[in-house]
Structure formats: C-alpha cells, structure tokens
C-alpha cells in the first residue's frame, strides 16, 4: 500500500507525507534460515520543500523505515529488527534550458549496526553513515 498526501496551499511551499506499507509472505531468505513465521513488512517518509525562486528549490526530508524482521536491511550477523532514521537536505538549481544541478547531504542512523560491511562473511560495523551527492542532469519538462 502506498499513500501520499501533498499540500501546496502555501505559496512556494510543498508539504508531503508518504505512507508506504509493504510486505511479503514466506520470504525466501527468512525461510532459508529456518524462520517459522517467514512473513515480513516495512514502511516510511515525510518532507517539506520550498521554492526560493523558479530556478532554486530546497527540500528537507525525514524518513523512518521499520523492518521488523530485517528482511530488507539484513546483515550476516543474524536477522534482528531494524529501525532506520534518515534525514537529508538538498538544494536544486535549474536553468531555463532544463539543465539541473543538485547537491544533497544525507544522514542515516540505525538502531543496530547496519552499514559499512567488512570482512568475510560481511558483517556490519557501523550504525550510522553520511552521504554527499552532487548530480547534474537534463530535465525535459
């Protein structure tokens, strides 16, 4: 199930809440490790965006991702529930010809070690990570 509510009633402001709920029955990876109840589910997200001008937009997002049986966010040390919080901010600049530049900083935080896989077999060694993205692309619309 995916439900999105968007409010644009304030000039130059976009507010959105997105509820995703997904799952799978008898998920093969959980069945393979002998789980009796091999069903899994996960969900998340909200954001606010502001258009400073027609060419400049900033967005702040906060996501909560709850993976009760560690189906999506599993690591080699076992399948324990995972709660992930992600916050990011980005700035997008677009010229009249459609060329777009986007800079984003993202921080991910987990309730257990879920990032920076190391070793053989791979094991998570960190409960947080930061990512910086610089993207340039052409928009036809």
Protein backbone atom coordinates (compact mmCIF):
# COMPACT_ATOMS: atom_id res chain seq x y z
CA UNK A 1 0.00 0.00 0.00
CA UNK A 2 1.37 3.42 -0.92
CA UNK A 3 -0.45 6.59 0.11
CA UNK A 4 0.87 10.10 -0.46
CA UNK A 5 -0.71 13.31 0.83
CA UNK A 6 0.66 16.54 -0.67
CA UNK A 7 -0.31 20.06 0.40
CA UNK A 8 0.62 23.03 -1.80
CA UNK A 9 -1.78 25.66 -0.40
CA UNK A 10 1.05 27.88 0.88
CA UNK A 11 2.83 29.90 -1.81
CA UNK A 12 6.17 28.28 -2.79
CA UNK A 13 5.88 25.57 -0.08
CA UNK A 14 5.26 21.84 -0.60
CA UNK A 15 4.41 19.64 2.39
CA UNK A 16 4.12 15.90 1.87
CA UNK A 17 3.58 12.78 3.91
CA UNK A 18 4.09 9.40 2.28
CA UNK A 19 2.96 6.18 3.93
CA UNK A 20 4.38 3.06 2.34
CA UNK A 21 3.49 -0.27 3.81
CA UNK A 22 4.83 -3.34 2.08
CA UNK A 23 5.44 -6.94 2.94
CA UNK A 24 5.99 -10.44 1.73
CA UNK A 25 4.68 -13.80 2.90
CA UNK A 26 7.09 -16.73 3.17
CA UNK A 27 10.04 -14.58 2.19
CA UNK A 28 12.70 -16.99 0.81
CA UNK A 29 15.66 -15.60 2.81
CA UNK A 30 13.72 -15.99 6.08
CA UNK A 31 12.53 -19.49 5.09
CA UNK A 32 16.14 -20.48 4.24
CA UNK A 33 17.37 -19.65 7.76
CA UNK A 34 14.56 -21.70 9.32
CA UNK A 35 12.18 -18.94 10.49
CA UNK A 36 8.76 -20.40 11.32
CA UNK A 37 6.99 -17.11 10.67
CA UNK A 38 8.68 -16.01 7.43
CA UNK A 39 6.45 -13.00 6.74
CA UNK A 40 7.98 -9.53 6.66
CA UNK A 41 6.88 -5.88 6.41
CA UNK A 42 8.37 -2.39 6.21
CA UNK A 43 7.18 1.26 5.93
CA UNK A 44 8.29 5.01 5.88
CA UNK A 45 8.53 9.04 4.89
CA UNK A 46 7.69 12.87 5.04
CA UNK A 47 9.17 16.04 3.57
CA UNK A 48 8.92 19.80 3.10
CA UNK A 49 10.12 21.71 0.05
CA UNK A 50 10.49 25.44 -0.58
CA UNK A 51 10.85 27.19 -3.94
CA UNK A 52 13.04 30.24 -3.31
CA UNK A 53 12.72 31.21 -6.98
CA UNK A 54 11.62 29.37 -10.15
CA UNK A 55 15.21 28.14 -10.51
CA UNK A 56 16.14 27.41 -6.84
CA UNK A 57 14.44 24.82 -4.60
CA UNK A 58 15.43 23.27 -1.26
CA UNK A 59 13.94 20.16 0.29
CA UNK A 60 14.24 18.65 3.78
CA UNK A 61 13.16 15.03 4.23
CA UNK A 62 12.81 12.75 7.22
CA UNK A 63 12.16 9.03 6.83
CA UNK A 64 11.54 6.31 9.32
CA UNK A 65 11.95 2.80 7.98
CA UNK A 66 10.88 -0.04 10.26
CA UNK A 67 11.91 -3.51 9.15
CA UNK A 68 10.55 -5.77 11.89
CA UNK A 69 12.20 -8.98 10.71
CA UNK A 70 15.24 -7.46 8.97
CA UNK A 71 14.06 -8.62 5.56
CA UNK A 72 15.22 -5.55 3.63
CA UNK A 73 18.01 -4.43 5.97
CA UNK A 74 19.66 -7.68 6.98
CA UNK A 75 23.30 -8.39 7.71
CA UNK A 76 25.39 -11.50 8.12
CA UNK A 77 25.15 -11.48 11.93
CA UNK A 78 21.50 -12.53 12.09
CA UNK A 79 18.05 -11.23 11.33
CA UNK A 80 17.03 -8.81 14.06
CA UNK A 81 14.53 -5.97 13.76
CA UNK A 82 15.85 -2.77 12.23
CA UNK A 83 14.69 0.78 12.71
CA UNK A 84 16.33 3.28 10.39
CA UNK A 85 16.02 7.05 10.52
CA UNK A 86 17.18 9.04 7.53
CA UNK A 87 17.35 12.79 7.24
CA UNK A 88 18.51 14.69 4.22
CA UNK A 89 18.56 18.14 2.74
CA UNK A 90 19.11 19.09 -0.84
CA UNK A 91 19.36 22.16 -2.98
CA UNK A 92 18.39 22.09 -6.65
CA UNK A 93 19.19 24.73 -9.25
CA UNK A 94 17.60 24.59 -12.71
CA UNK A 95 18.25 26.92 -15.62
CA UNK A 96 15.69 27.84 -18.30
CA UNK A 97 17.16 25.35 -20.79
CA UNK A 98 16.49 22.39 -18.44
CA UNK A 99 19.99 21.78 -17.03
CA UNK A 100 19.68 20.85 -13.34
CA UNK A 101 22.31 20.71 -10.61
CA UNK A 102 21.53 19.08 -7.27
CA UNK A 103 23.57 18.90 -4.05
CA UNK A 104 22.39 16.61 -1.25
CA UNK A 105 23.62 15.68 2.21
CA UNK A 106 22.09 12.58 3.79
CA UNK A 107 22.49 11.06 7.25
CA UNK A 108 21.31 7.51 8.01
CA UNK A 109 21.06 6.21 11.58
CA UNK A 110 20.06 2.66 12.61
CA UNK A 111 19.15 1.13 15.97
CA UNK A 112 21.71 -1.64 15.24
CA UNK A 113 24.82 -1.93 13.12
CA UNK A 114 23.59 -2.00 9.52
CA UNK A 115 26.21 -0.10 7.47
CA UNK A 116 29.82 -0.41 6.33
CA UNK A 117 30.03 -4.11 5.58
CA UNK A 118 33.51 -5.51 6.27
CA UNK A 119 35.11 -8.95 6.36
CA UNK A 120 34.29 -12.37 5.04
CA UNK A 121 31.48 -13.17 5.59
CA UNK A 122 30.46 -9.49 5.52
CA UNK A 123 29.36 -8.01 8.83
CA UNK A 124 28.03 -4.53 9.52
CA UNK A 125 30.45 -2.38 11.55
CA UNK A 126 28.59 0.93 11.90
CA UNK A 127 25.15 2.13 12.98
CA UNK A 128 25.35 5.41 11.02
CA UNK A 129 26.58 6.76 7.71
CA UNK A 130 26.71 10.08 5.86
CA UNK A 131 26.43 10.53 2.11
CA UNK A 132 27.05 13.58 -0.09
CA UNK A 133 25.70 13.58 -3.64
CA UNK A 134 26.35 16.01 -6.47
CA UNK A 135 24.18 15.37 -9.52
CA UNK A 136 23.86 17.15 -12.85
CA UNK A 137 21.16 16.13 -15.30
CA UNK A 138 18.89 17.47 -18.04
CA UNK A 139 15.15 17.80 -17.43
CA UNK A 140 12.86 17.75 -20.46
CA UNK A 141 9.90 19.16 -18.50
